[in-house]
Amino acid sequence: MKRGRFITLEGGEGVGKTTNLAFIRDFLRQRGIEAVITREPGGVPVAETLRTLVLETQGLAAEAELLLIFAGRVQHLRDLIEPALASGRWVVCDRFVDASYAYQGGGRGLDWERIEYLERWLVSRQPDLTLLLDAPVEVGLARARARGDTNRFEEETVAFLERVRQAYLRRWRQAPQRIRRVDATLPLAQVQQAIAAELQRLLGER
């Protein structure tokens, strides 16, 4: 049986990940691929419990935040991602390891070497494709606040979110073949055209 492919969607607050997850699911379905849609933190019951702790606990130490997210990631990989890929299904995940480098590394200022250690120890695979939806912080924040449903990360300072964005861009420059930057300030149709082009490349359609 052919192993499934693993796609992750990354980006700061308000860049349109939820809308484009649905687009990716429908794009793949039109080609006969039923993808498992999941998210981090979360994705499986234990990790969803940890997600609530991470998003709602005030005063959480940066190191505790990082370890809680990786704890959930271990369960997520073992209970959902790896079994799905092994069965030939595709997995599309809203955030994955790159988010730890961006938020806990860039945003919180934790040493990237510590994150790299946890990744080497605990993470069994890299995505086949990561789509980085990128927009200036002010643009993303305005969109997030317009939804009226902000979490602890969306309520962070502009300086924090700018560090997150710069960390994502650093990751993109380090791995441009895996991480493909998409300009999220473009009209939605153009954003989705760019996403479709990357998916076609992964599928070997061009």
N, C-alpha and C. Protein backbone atom coordinates (compact mmCIF):
# COMPACT_ATOMS: atom_id res chain seq x y z
N MET A 1 0.84 -1.19 0.00
CA MET A 1 0.00 0.00 0.00
C MET A 1 0.89 1.25 0.00
N LYS A 2 0.53 2.21 -0.85
CA LYS A 2 1.30 3.44 -0.93
C LYS A 2 1.03 4.30 0.28
N ARG A 3 2.09 4.80 0.90
CA ARG A 3 1.96 5.62 2.09
C ARG A 3 1.33 6.96 1.74
N GLY A 4 0.53 7.49 2.67
CA GLY A 4 -0.10 8.79 2.46
C GLY A 4 0.89 9.93 2.54
N ARG A 5 0.44 11.12 2.18
CA ARG A 5 1.28 12.31 2.23
C ARG A 5 0.82 13.19 3.39
N PHE A 6 1.77 13.95 3.92
CA PHE A 6 1.55 14.76 5.10
C PHE A 6 1.76 16.23 4.74
N ILE A 7 0.70 17.03 4.87
CA ILE A 7 0.73 18.46 4.55
C ILE A 7 0.43 19.25 5.81
N THR A 8 1.21 20.30 6.05
CA THR A 8 0.92 21.18 7.18
C THR A 8 0.69 22.60 6.69
N LEU A 9 -0.11 23.32 7.45
CA LEU A 9 -0.45 24.71 7.14
C LEU A 9 0.01 25.56 8.32
N GLU A 10 0.84 26.55 8.03
CA GLU A 10 1.42 27.38 9.09
C GLU A 10 1.16 28.86 8.81
N GLY A 11 1.39 29.66 9.83
CA GLY A 11 1.26 31.11 9.69
C GLY A 11 0.81 31.73 11.00
N GLY A 12 0.93 33.04 11.08
CA GLY A 12 0.53 33.77 12.27
C GLY A 12 -0.98 33.87 12.40
N GLU A 13 -1.39 34.77 13.27
CA GLU A 13 -2.82 34.92 13.55
C GLU A 13 -3.51 35.64 12.39
N GLY A 14 -4.70 35.15 12.04
CA GLY A 14 -5.54 35.83 11.07
C GLY A 14 -5.11 35.74 9.63
N VAL A 15 -4.30 34.73 9.28
CA VAL A 15 -3.82 34.64 7.89
C VAL A 15 -4.72 33.77 7.01
N GLY A 16 -5.78 33.18 7.58
CA GLY A 16 -6.74 32.44 6.76
C GLY A 16 -6.53 30.94 6.72
N LYS A 17 -5.93 30.38 7.77
CA LYS A 17 -5.66 28.95 7.74
C LYS A 17 -6.95 28.12 7.72
N THR A 18 -7.94 28.51 8.50
CA THR A 18 -9.18 27.72 8.57
C THR A 18 -9.87 27.66 7.21
N THR A 19 -9.98 28.81 6.56
CA THR A 19 -10.61 28.87 5.23
C THR A 19 -9.85 28.01 4.24
N ASN A 20 -8.53 28.06 4.29
CA ASN A 20 -7.74 27.35 3.30
C ASN A 20 -7.57 25.87 3.62
N LEU A 21 -7.74 25.48 4.88
CA LEU A 21 -7.81 24.05 5.18
C LEU A 21 -9.00 23.42 4.45
N ALA A 22 -10.12 24.09 4.47
CA ALA A 22 -11.31 23.59 3.77
C ALA A 22 -11.06 23.53 2.27
N PHE A 23 -10.36 24.52 1.73
CA PHE A 23 -10.03 24.52 0.30
C PHE A 23 -9.15 23.33 -0.05
N ILE A 24 -8.13 23.08 0.77
CA ILE A 24 -7.22 21.95 0.52
C ILE A 24 -7.98 20.64 0.57
N ARG A 25 -8.85 20.47 1.58
CA ARG A 25 -9.65 19.24 1.69
C ARG A 25 -10.48 19.03 0.42
N ASP A 26 -11.13 20.09 -0.05
CA ASP A 26 -11.98 19.96 -1.24
C ASP A 26 -11.15 19.72 -2.49
N PHE A 27 -10.00 20.37 -2.60
CA PHE A 27 -9.11 20.19 -3.75
C PHE A 27 -8.69 18.73 -3.85
N LEU A 28 -8.28 18.15 -2.73
CA LEU A 28 -7.85 16.75 -2.73
C LEU A 28 -9.02 15.81 -3.00
N ARG A 29 -10.17 16.11 -2.41
CA ARG A 29 -11.35 15.26 -2.61
C ARG A 29 -11.74 15.19 -4.08
N GLN A 30 -11.60 16.30 -4.78
CA GLN A 30 -11.92 16.32 -6.21
C GLN A 30 -11.00 15.40 -7.00
N ARG A 31 -9.87 15.05 -6.43
CA ARG A 31 -8.92 14.15 -7.08
C ARG A 31 -8.96 12.75 -6.47
N GLY A 32 -10.01 12.48 -5.73
CA GLY A 32 -10.20 11.15 -5.17
C GLY A 32 -9.40 10.86 -3.93
N ILE A 33 -8.91 11.93 -3.26
CA ILE A 33 -8.10 11.75 -2.04
C ILE A 33 -8.90 12.27 -0.85
N GLU A 34 -9.25 11.38 0.06
CA GLU A 34 -9.93 11.78 1.29
C GLU A 34 -8.88 12.04 2.35
N ALA A 35 -8.72 13.29 2.73
CA ALA A 35 -7.68 13.66 3.68
C ALA A 35 -8.23 13.73 5.10
N VAL A 36 -7.40 13.36 6.06
CA VAL A 36 -7.70 13.55 7.47
C VAL A 36 -7.30 14.98 7.82
N ILE A 37 -8.25 15.78 8.32
CA ILE A 37 -7.98 17.16 8.70
C ILE A 37 -7.82 17.22 10.21
N THR A 38 -6.70 17.77 10.67
CA THR A 38 -6.44 17.81 12.11
C THR A 38 -5.73 19.11 12.46
N ARG A 39 -5.35 19.25 13.74
CA ARG A 39 -4.76 20.51 14.18
C ARG A 39 -3.82 20.29 15.36
N GLU A 40 -2.95 21.30 15.55
CA GLU A 40 -2.11 21.35 16.75
C GLU A 40 -2.14 22.75 17.33
N PRO A 41 -2.05 22.87 18.67
CA PRO A 41 -2.16 21.76 19.60
C PRO A 41 -3.53 21.08 19.46
N GLY A 42 -3.56 19.79 19.70
CA GLY A 42 -4.83 19.06 19.64
C GLY A 42 -4.77 17.90 18.69
N GLY A 43 -5.94 17.57 18.14
CA GLY A 43 -6.03 16.51 17.16
C GLY A 43 -6.53 15.18 17.69
N VAL A 44 -6.19 14.86 18.94
CA VAL A 44 -6.66 13.65 19.61
C VAL A 44 -7.04 14.06 21.04
N PRO A 45 -7.86 13.25 21.75
CA PRO A 45 -8.41 13.70 23.03
C PRO A 45 -7.37 14.21 24.04
N VAL A 46 -6.30 13.47 24.26
CA VAL A 46 -5.30 13.93 25.24
C VAL A 46 -4.71 15.28 24.82
N ALA A 47 -4.39 15.40 23.55
CA ALA A 47 -3.79 16.63 23.05
C ALA A 47 -4.77 17.80 23.08
N GLU A 48 -6.07 17.52 22.90
CA GLU A 48 -7.07 18.58 23.00
C GLU A 48 -7.16 19.11 24.43
N THR A 49 -7.03 18.21 25.40
CA THR A 49 -7.00 18.64 26.80
C THR A 49 -5.80 19.54 27.07
N LEU A 50 -4.65 19.15 26.53
CA LEU A 50 -3.45 19.96 26.69
C LEU A 50 -3.59 21.29 25.94
N ARG A 51 -4.28 21.28 24.81
CA ARG A 51 -4.53 22.52 24.06
C ARG A 51 -5.25 23.54 24.93
N THR A 52 -6.28 23.07 25.64
CA THR A 52 -7.03 23.97 26.52
C THR A 52 -6.12 24.59 27.57
N LEU A 53 -5.23 23.78 28.15
CA LEU A 53 -4.28 24.30 29.13
C LEU A 53 -3.38 25.37 28.51
N VAL A 54 -2.87 25.09 27.32
CA VAL A 54 -1.94 26.02 26.67
C VAL A 54 -2.63 27.34 26.33
N LEU A 55 -3.84 27.26 25.79
CA LEU A 55 -4.51 28.47 25.30
C LEU A 55 -5.18 29.28 26.40
N GLU A 56 -5.51 28.65 27.52
CA GLU A 56 -6.30 29.35 28.53
C GLU A 56 -5.56 29.63 29.83
N THR A 57 -4.37 29.06 30.02
CA THR A 57 -3.64 29.25 31.28
C THR A 57 -2.82 30.53 31.22
N GLN A 58 -3.12 31.46 32.10
CA GLN A 58 -2.35 32.70 32.17
C GLN A 58 -1.09 32.46 32.99
N GLY A 59 -0.01 33.12 32.62
CA GLY A 59 1.23 33.02 33.36
C GLY A 59 1.98 31.72 33.17
N LEU A 60 1.67 30.98 32.11
CA LEU A 60 2.34 29.71 31.84
C LEU A 60 3.78 29.98 31.41
N ALA A 61 4.74 29.31 32.07
CA ALA A 61 6.14 29.48 31.69
C ALA A 61 6.36 29.02 30.25
N ALA A 62 7.25 29.70 29.55
CA ALA A 62 7.51 29.36 28.15
C ALA A 62 7.95 27.91 28.00
N GLU A 63 8.78 27.44 28.93
CA GLU A 63 9.25 26.06 28.86
C GLU A 63 8.10 25.07 29.07
N ALA A 64 7.19 25.40 29.99
CA ALA A 64 6.03 24.54 30.23
C ALA A 64 5.13 24.51 29.00
N GLU A 65 4.95 25.66 28.39
CA GLU A 65 4.14 25.75 27.17
C GLU A 65 4.72 24.85 26.08
N LEU A 66 6.02 24.94 25.88
CA LEU A 66 6.69 24.12 24.85
C LEU A 66 6.53 22.64 25.14
N LEU A 67 6.73 22.23 26.39
CA LEU A 67 6.66 20.81 26.74
C LEU A 67 5.24 20.28 26.63
N LEU A 68 4.25 21.08 26.99
CA LEU A 68 2.86 20.65 26.85
C LEU A 68 2.51 20.43 25.37
N ILE A 69 2.98 21.33 24.52
CA ILE A 69 2.70 21.19 23.09
C ILE A 69 3.38 19.95 22.52
N PHE A 70 4.62 19.70 22.91
CA PHE A 70 5.29 18.50 22.42
C PHE A 70 4.67 17.23 22.99
N ALA A 71 4.19 17.28 24.23
CA ALA A 71 3.50 16.11 24.79
C ALA A 71 2.26 15.77 23.97
N GLY A 72 1.48 16.79 23.63
CA GLY A 72 0.33 16.56 22.77
C GLY A 72 0.72 16.07 21.40
N ARG A 73 1.85 16.57 20.89
CA ARG A 73 2.32 16.17 19.55
C ARG A 73 2.68 14.69 19.51
N VAL A 74 3.29 14.20 20.57
CA VAL A 74 3.62 12.77 20.64
C VAL A 74 2.36 11.92 20.51
N GLN A 75 1.32 12.27 21.28
CA GLN A 75 0.06 11.52 21.21
C GLN A 75 -0.58 11.65 19.83
N HIS A 76 -0.53 12.86 19.29
CA HIS A 76 -1.12 13.13 17.98
C HIS A 76 -0.47 12.27 16.90
N LEU A 77 0.85 12.21 16.92
CA LEU A 77 1.56 11.38 15.95
C LEU A 77 1.23 9.91 16.13
N ARG A 78 1.27 9.44 17.37
CA ARG A 78 1.06 8.01 17.63
C ARG A 78 -0.37 7.58 17.33
N ASP A 79 -1.34 8.39 17.74
CA ASP A 79 -2.73 7.96 17.69
C ASP A 79 -3.45 8.30 16.41
N LEU A 80 -2.97 9.30 15.66
CA LEU A 80 -3.71 9.72 14.46
C LEU A 80 -2.82 9.84 13.23
N ILE A 81 -1.77 10.66 13.29
CA ILE A 81 -1.03 10.97 12.07
C ILE A 81 -0.34 9.74 11.48
N GLU A 82 0.45 9.05 12.28
CA GLU A 82 1.18 7.89 11.75
C GLU A 82 0.25 6.77 11.29
N PRO A 83 -0.79 6.40 12.05
CA PRO A 83 -1.70 5.35 11.55
C PRO A 83 -2.38 5.74 10.25
N ALA A 84 -2.78 7.01 10.12
CA ALA A 84 -3.44 7.45 8.90
C ALA A 84 -2.50 7.35 7.71
N LEU A 85 -1.27 7.84 7.86
CA LEU A 85 -0.30 7.79 6.76
C LEU A 85 0.04 6.35 6.39
N ALA A 86 0.17 5.50 7.41
CA ALA A 86 0.51 4.10 7.14
C ALA A 86 -0.60 3.39 6.37
N SER A 87 -1.85 3.84 6.56
CA SER A 87 -2.98 3.22 5.88
C SER A 87 -3.20 3.78 4.47
N GLY A 88 -2.35 4.74 4.07
CA GLY A 88 -2.46 5.31 2.74
C GLY A 88 -3.26 6.60 2.67
N ARG A 89 -3.80 7.05 3.81
CA ARG A 89 -4.55 8.30 3.80
C ARG A 89 -3.61 9.51 3.88
N TRP A 90 -4.07 10.62 3.35
CA TRP A 90 -3.35 11.87 3.48
C TRP A 90 -3.78 12.56 4.76
N VAL A 91 -2.86 13.34 5.34
CA VAL A 91 -3.15 14.10 6.55
C VAL A 91 -2.83 15.57 6.28
N VAL A 92 -3.77 16.44 6.62
CA VAL A 92 -3.56 17.89 6.52
C VAL A 92 -3.71 18.46 7.92
N CYS A 93 -2.65 19.08 8.42
CA CYS A 93 -2.63 19.53 9.82
C CYS A 93 -2.45 21.05 9.92
N ASP A 94 -3.32 21.68 10.69
CA ASP A 94 -3.23 23.10 11.01
C ASP A 94 -2.17 23.26 12.11
N ARG A 95 -0.97 23.65 11.70
CA ARG A 95 0.22 23.82 12.54
C ARG A 95 0.87 22.47 12.88
N PHE A 96 2.20 22.53 13.01
CA PHE A 96 2.97 21.36 13.43
C PHE A 96 4.27 21.89 14.03
N VAL A 97 5.39 21.21 13.84
CA VAL A 97 6.63 21.57 14.55
C VAL A 97 7.09 22.98 14.22
N ASP A 98 6.90 23.44 13.00
CA ASP A 98 7.34 24.80 12.66
C ASP A 98 6.72 25.83 13.59
N ALA A 99 5.50 25.58 14.06
CA ALA A 99 4.84 26.51 14.97
C ALA A 99 5.57 26.61 16.30
N SER A 100 6.21 25.53 16.75
CA SER A 100 6.98 25.60 17.99
C SER A 100 8.19 26.50 17.84
N TYR A 101 8.85 26.42 16.69
CA TYR A 101 9.97 27.32 16.44
C TYR A 101 9.48 28.77 16.36
N ALA A 102 8.31 28.98 15.78
CA ALA A 102 7.80 30.33 15.60
C ALA A 102 7.31 30.93 16.91
N TYR A 103 6.45 30.20 17.62
CA TYR A 103 5.81 30.76 18.81
C TYR A 103 6.66 30.65 20.07
N GLN A 104 7.17 29.46 20.35
CA GLN A 104 7.98 29.31 21.56
C GLN A 104 9.43 29.74 21.32
N GLY A 105 9.93 29.54 20.11
CA GLY A 105 11.28 29.99 19.78
C GLY A 105 11.31 31.48 19.48
N GLY A 106 10.65 31.89 18.42
CA GLY A 106 10.65 33.30 18.06
C GLY A 106 9.89 34.16 19.06
N GLY A 107 8.66 33.81 19.33
CA GLY A 107 7.81 34.62 20.20
C GLY A 107 8.28 34.66 21.63
N ARG A 108 8.53 33.49 22.22
CA ARG A 108 8.90 33.42 23.64
C ARG A 108 10.41 33.54 23.87
N GLY A 109 11.18 33.40 22.80
CA GLY A 109 12.62 33.56 22.94
C GLY A 109 13.37 32.34 23.42
N LEU A 110 12.76 31.16 23.34
CA LEU A 110 13.46 29.95 23.75
C LEU A 110 14.53 29.57 22.71
N ASP A 111 15.59 28.98 23.19
CA ASP A 111 16.71 28.57 22.34
C ASP A 111 16.23 27.54 21.32
N TRP A 112 16.51 27.80 20.04
CA TRP A 112 16.08 26.86 19.00
C TRP A 112 16.72 25.49 19.17
N GLU A 113 17.91 25.44 19.76
CA GLU A 113 18.57 24.14 19.94
C GLU A 113 17.76 23.23 20.85
N ARG A 114 17.06 23.81 21.84
CA ARG A 114 16.22 23.00 22.72
C ARG A 114 15.03 22.44 21.95
N ILE A 115 14.47 23.25 21.07
CA ILE A 115 13.35 22.79 20.26
C ILE A 115 13.82 21.70 19.30
N GLU A 116 14.99 21.91 18.70
CA GLU A 116 15.57 20.91 17.80
C GLU A 116 15.78 19.58 18.53
N TYR A 117 16.23 19.64 19.78
CA TYR A 117 16.44 18.42 20.55
C TYR A 117 15.12 17.67 20.73
N LEU A 118 14.07 18.39 21.11
CA LEU A 118 12.77 17.75 21.30
C LEU A 118 12.25 17.18 19.97
N GLU A 119 12.48 17.92 18.89
CA GLU A 119 12.03 17.43 17.58
C GLU A 119 12.75 16.13 17.21
N ARG A 120 14.08 16.10 17.39
CA ARG A 120 14.83 14.89 17.06
C ARG A 120 14.40 13.71 17.93
N TRP A 121 14.13 13.97 19.19
CA TRP A 121 13.78 12.91 20.14
C TRP A 121 12.36 12.40 19.93
N LEU A 122 11.41 13.30 19.69
CA LEU A 122 10.00 12.95 19.82
C LEU A 122 9.21 12.92 18.51
N VAL A 123 9.71 13.53 17.45
CA VAL A 123 8.92 13.66 16.23
C VAL A 123 9.44 12.69 15.18
N SER A 124 8.55 11.83 14.71
CA SER A 124 8.92 10.72 13.84
C SER A 124 9.01 11.10 12.37
N ARG A 125 8.48 12.26 11.98
CA ARG A 125 8.49 12.60 10.55
C ARG A 125 8.36 14.09 10.33
N GLN A 126 8.79 14.51 9.14
CA GLN A 126 8.57 15.87 8.67
C GLN A 126 7.44 15.87 7.66
N PRO A 127 6.75 16.99 7.50
CA PRO A 127 5.73 17.07 6.45
C PRO A 127 6.35 16.92 5.06
N ASP A 128 5.55 16.42 4.13
CA ASP A 128 5.97 16.40 2.73
C ASP A 128 5.88 17.80 2.13
N LEU A 129 4.95 18.60 2.64
CA LEU A 129 4.75 19.97 2.16
C LEU A 129 4.21 20.81 3.31
N THR A 130 4.82 21.98 3.50
CA THR A 130 4.31 22.96 4.46
C THR A 130 3.97 24.23 3.71
N LEU A 131 2.73 24.68 3.86
CA LEU A 131 2.28 25.92 3.24
C LEU A 131 2.29 27.00 4.31
N LEU A 132 3.15 28.00 4.13
CA LEU A 132 3.25 29.11 5.07
C LEU A 132 2.45 30.29 4.55
N LEU A 133 1.31 30.55 5.18
CA LEU A 133 0.50 31.71 4.82
C LEU A 133 1.08 32.91 5.57
N ASP A 134 1.58 33.87 4.82
CA ASP A 134 2.32 34.98 5.42
C ASP A 134 1.65 36.31 5.14
N ALA A 135 1.50 37.12 6.20
CA ALA A 135 0.96 38.47 6.07
C ALA A 135 1.56 39.33 7.17
N PRO A 136 1.67 40.64 6.95
CA PRO A 136 2.12 41.52 8.02
C PRO A 136 1.25 41.35 9.26
N VAL A 137 1.87 41.52 10.42
CA VAL A 137 1.17 41.27 11.68
C VAL A 137 -0.10 42.11 11.80
N GLU A 138 -0.04 43.37 11.43
CA GLU A 138 -1.20 44.24 11.58
C GLU A 138 -2.38 43.74 10.76
N VAL A 139 -2.10 43.20 9.58
CA VAL A 139 -3.17 42.68 8.72
C VAL A 139 -3.81 41.45 9.37
N GLY A 140 -2.99 40.52 9.84
CA GLY A 140 -3.51 39.32 10.47
C GLY A 140 -4.29 39.62 11.74
N LEU A 141 -3.78 40.54 12.56
CA LEU A 141 -4.46 40.88 13.80
C LEU A 141 -5.82 41.49 13.54
N ALA A 142 -5.89 42.38 12.55
CA ALA A 142 -7.18 43.01 12.23
C ALA A 142 -8.19 41.95 11.82
N ARG A 143 -7.76 40.98 11.04
CA ARG A 143 -8.67 39.90 10.63
C ARG A 143 -9.10 39.06 11.82
N ALA A 144 -8.13 38.71 12.69
CA ALA A 144 -8.44 37.88 13.85
C ALA A 144 -9.42 38.58 14.78
N ARG A 145 -9.20 39.87 15.02
CA ARG A 145 -10.08 40.60 15.93
C ARG A 145 -11.45 40.82 15.32
N ALA A 146 -11.51 40.90 13.99
CA ALA A 146 -12.82 41.04 13.34
C ALA A 146 -13.69 39.82 13.56
N ARG A 147 -13.05 38.65 13.78
CA ARG A 147 -13.82 37.44 14.08
C ARG A 147 -14.43 37.50 15.46
N GLY A 148 -13.82 38.28 16.36
CA GLY A 148 -14.35 38.42 17.71
C GLY A 148 -14.13 37.22 18.59
N ASP A 149 -13.18 36.37 18.25
CA ASP A 149 -12.94 35.15 19.03
C ASP A 149 -11.44 34.96 19.18
N THR A 150 -10.83 35.78 20.04
CA THR A 150 -9.38 35.75 20.19
C THR A 150 -8.97 34.80 21.30
N ASN A 151 -7.80 34.19 21.14
CA ASN A 151 -7.23 33.35 22.19
C ASN A 151 -6.01 34.05 22.78
N ARG A 152 -5.32 33.38 23.69
CA ARG A 152 -4.19 33.99 24.39
C ARG A 152 -3.10 34.44 23.44
N PHE A 153 -2.89 33.71 22.36
CA PHE A 153 -1.82 34.07 21.42
C PHE A 153 -2.22 35.30 20.59
N GLU A 154 -3.49 35.37 20.20
CA GLU A 154 -3.95 36.52 19.42
C GLU A 154 -3.96 37.80 20.24
N GLU A 155 -3.96 37.67 21.56
CA GLU A 155 -3.95 38.83 22.44
C GLU A 155 -2.54 39.27 22.82
N GLU A 156 -1.52 38.61 22.27
CA GLU A 156 -0.15 38.99 22.54
C GLU A 156 0.17 40.34 21.88
N THR A 157 1.30 40.90 22.26
CA THR A 157 1.70 42.19 21.71
C THR A 157 2.08 42.06 20.24
N VAL A 158 2.06 43.20 19.56
CA VAL A 158 2.49 43.23 18.16
C VAL A 158 3.95 42.79 18.07
N ALA A 159 4.78 43.18 19.04
CA ALA A 159 6.19 42.79 19.02
C ALA A 159 6.35 41.27 19.09
N PHE A 160 5.56 40.63 19.95
CA PHE A 160 5.58 39.17 20.05
C PHE A 160 5.22 38.54 18.71
N LEU A 161 4.12 39.01 18.12
CA LEU A 161 3.65 38.42 16.87
C LEU A 161 4.60 38.71 15.71
N GLU A 162 5.30 39.83 15.78
CA GLU A 162 6.31 40.11 14.75
C GLU A 162 7.48 39.14 14.88
N ARG A 163 7.86 38.80 16.10
CA ARG A 163 8.92 37.81 16.29
C ARG A 163 8.48 36.44 15.76
N VAL A 164 7.21 36.11 15.96
CA VAL A 164 6.65 34.87 15.42
C VAL A 164 6.76 34.86 13.90
N ARG A 165 6.36 35.96 13.30
CA ARG A 165 6.41 36.03 11.83
C ARG A 165 7.84 35.89 11.32
N GLN A 166 8.77 36.59 11.96
CA GLN A 166 10.16 36.52 11.50
C GLN A 166 10.74 35.13 11.69
N ALA A 167 10.33 34.42 12.74
CA ALA A 167 10.79 33.05 12.94
C ALA A 167 10.25 32.13 11.84
N TYR A 168 8.99 32.33 11.47
CA TYR A 168 8.43 31.55 10.36
C TYR A 168 9.22 31.80 9.08
N LEU A 169 9.53 33.06 8.82
CA LEU A 169 10.27 33.38 7.59
C LEU A 169 11.68 32.79 7.64
N ARG A 170 12.26 32.75 8.83
CA ARG A 170 13.57 32.11 8.98
C ARG A 170 13.47 30.62 8.65
N ARG A 171 12.43 29.96 9.15
CA ARG A 171 12.23 28.54 8.84
C ARG A 171 12.07 28.34 7.34
N TRP A 172 11.31 29.20 6.70
CA TRP A 172 11.09 29.11 5.25
C TRP A 172 12.41 29.23 4.50
N ARG A 173 13.26 30.17 4.91
CA ARG A 173 14.54 30.34 4.23
C ARG A 173 15.45 29.14 4.46
N GLN A 174 15.29 28.45 5.58
CA GLN A 174 16.11 27.28 5.87
C GLN A 174 15.68 26.06 5.06
N ALA A 175 14.39 25.98 4.72
CA ALA A 175 13.87 24.77 4.05
C ALA A 175 12.89 25.16 2.95
N PRO A 176 13.35 25.89 1.92
CA PRO A 176 12.41 26.40 0.91
C PRO A 176 11.78 25.32 0.04
N GLN A 177 12.38 24.13 -0.05
CA GLN A 177 11.77 23.08 -0.85
C GLN A 177 10.55 22.47 -0.14
N ARG A 178 10.62 22.38 1.18
CA ARG A 178 9.47 21.85 1.94
C ARG A 178 8.47 22.94 2.27
N ILE A 179 8.97 24.09 2.72
CA ILE A 179 8.09 25.19 3.14
C ILE A 179 7.90 26.14 1.97
N ARG A 180 6.65 26.31 1.57
CA ARG A 180 6.33 27.19 0.44
C ARG A 180 5.53 28.38 0.96
N ARG A 181 6.10 29.56 0.80
CA ARG A 181 5.45 30.77 1.29
C ARG A 181 4.35 31.22 0.34
N VAL A 182 3.20 31.53 0.90
CA VAL A 182 2.06 32.04 0.14
C VAL A 182 1.70 33.41 0.70
N ASP A 183 1.60 34.41 -0.17
CA ASP A 183 1.28 35.77 0.25
C ASP A 183 -0.20 35.84 0.62
N ALA A 184 -0.48 35.89 1.94
CA ALA A 184 -1.86 35.86 2.41
C ALA A 184 -2.54 37.22 2.34
N THR A 185 -1.83 38.25 1.86
CA THR A 185 -2.48 39.55 1.68
C THR A 185 -3.21 39.64 0.34
N LEU A 186 -2.96 38.68 -0.54
CA LEU A 186 -3.62 38.68 -1.85
C LEU A 186 -5.10 38.35 -1.69
N PRO A 187 -5.92 38.68 -2.68
CA PRO A 187 -7.31 38.24 -2.65
C PRO A 187 -7.40 36.72 -2.50
N LEU A 188 -8.47 36.25 -1.85
CA LEU A 188 -8.57 34.83 -1.54
C LEU A 188 -8.41 33.95 -2.77
N ALA A 189 -8.97 34.35 -3.90
CA ALA A 189 -8.87 33.52 -5.11
C ALA A 189 -7.42 33.33 -5.52
N GLN A 190 -6.61 34.37 -5.38
CA GLN A 190 -5.20 34.27 -5.75
C GLN A 190 -4.42 33.44 -4.73
N VAL A 191 -4.76 33.58 -3.45
CA VAL A 191 -4.14 32.74 -2.42
C VAL A 191 -4.40 31.27 -2.74
N GLN A 192 -5.63 30.95 -3.05
CA GLN A 192 -5.99 29.56 -3.31
C GLN A 192 -5.41 29.07 -4.63
N GLN A 193 -5.23 29.95 -5.58
CA GLN A 193 -4.54 29.57 -6.82
C GLN A 193 -3.10 29.17 -6.52
N ALA A 194 -2.44 29.93 -5.65
CA ALA A 194 -1.06 29.61 -5.27
C ALA A 194 -1.00 28.29 -4.50
N ILE A 195 -1.96 28.06 -3.61
CA ILE A 195 -2.01 26.80 -2.86
C ILE A 195 -2.23 25.63 -3.82
N ALA A 196 -3.16 25.81 -4.76
CA ALA A 196 -3.44 24.75 -5.73
C ALA A 196 -2.20 24.40 -6.54
N ALA A 197 -1.40 25.41 -6.89
CA ALA A 197 -0.18 25.15 -7.66
C ALA A 197 0.80 24.30 -6.85
N GLU A 198 0.91 24.56 -5.56
CA GLU A 198 1.81 23.76 -4.73
C GLU A 198 1.29 22.34 -4.55
N LEU A 199 -0.02 22.19 -4.42
CA LEU A 199 -0.61 20.85 -4.30
C LEU A 199 -0.43 20.06 -5.59
N GLN A 200 -0.58 20.73 -6.72
CA GLN A 200 -0.36 20.07 -8.00
C GLN A 200 1.09 19.61 -8.13
N ARG A 201 2.00 20.44 -7.65
CA ARG A 201 3.42 20.06 -7.68
C ARG A 201 3.65 18.80 -6.84
N LEU A 202 3.02 18.75 -5.66
CA LEU A 202 3.16 17.57 -4.79
C LEU A 202 2.56 16.33 -5.45
N LEU A 203 1.45 16.52 -6.14
CA LEU A 203 0.76 15.42 -6.80
C LEU A 203 1.43 15.00 -8.11
N GLY A 204 2.38 15.81 -8.56
CA GLY A 204 3.02 15.52 -9.83
C GLY A 204 2.16 15.83 -11.03
N GLU A 205 1.26 16.82 -10.87
CA GLU A 205 0.35 17.16 -11.96
C GLU A 205 0.96 18.16 -12.94
N ARG A 206 2.16 18.63 -12.62
CA ARG A 206 2.79 19.57 -13.56
C ARG A 206 4.29 19.33 -13.59
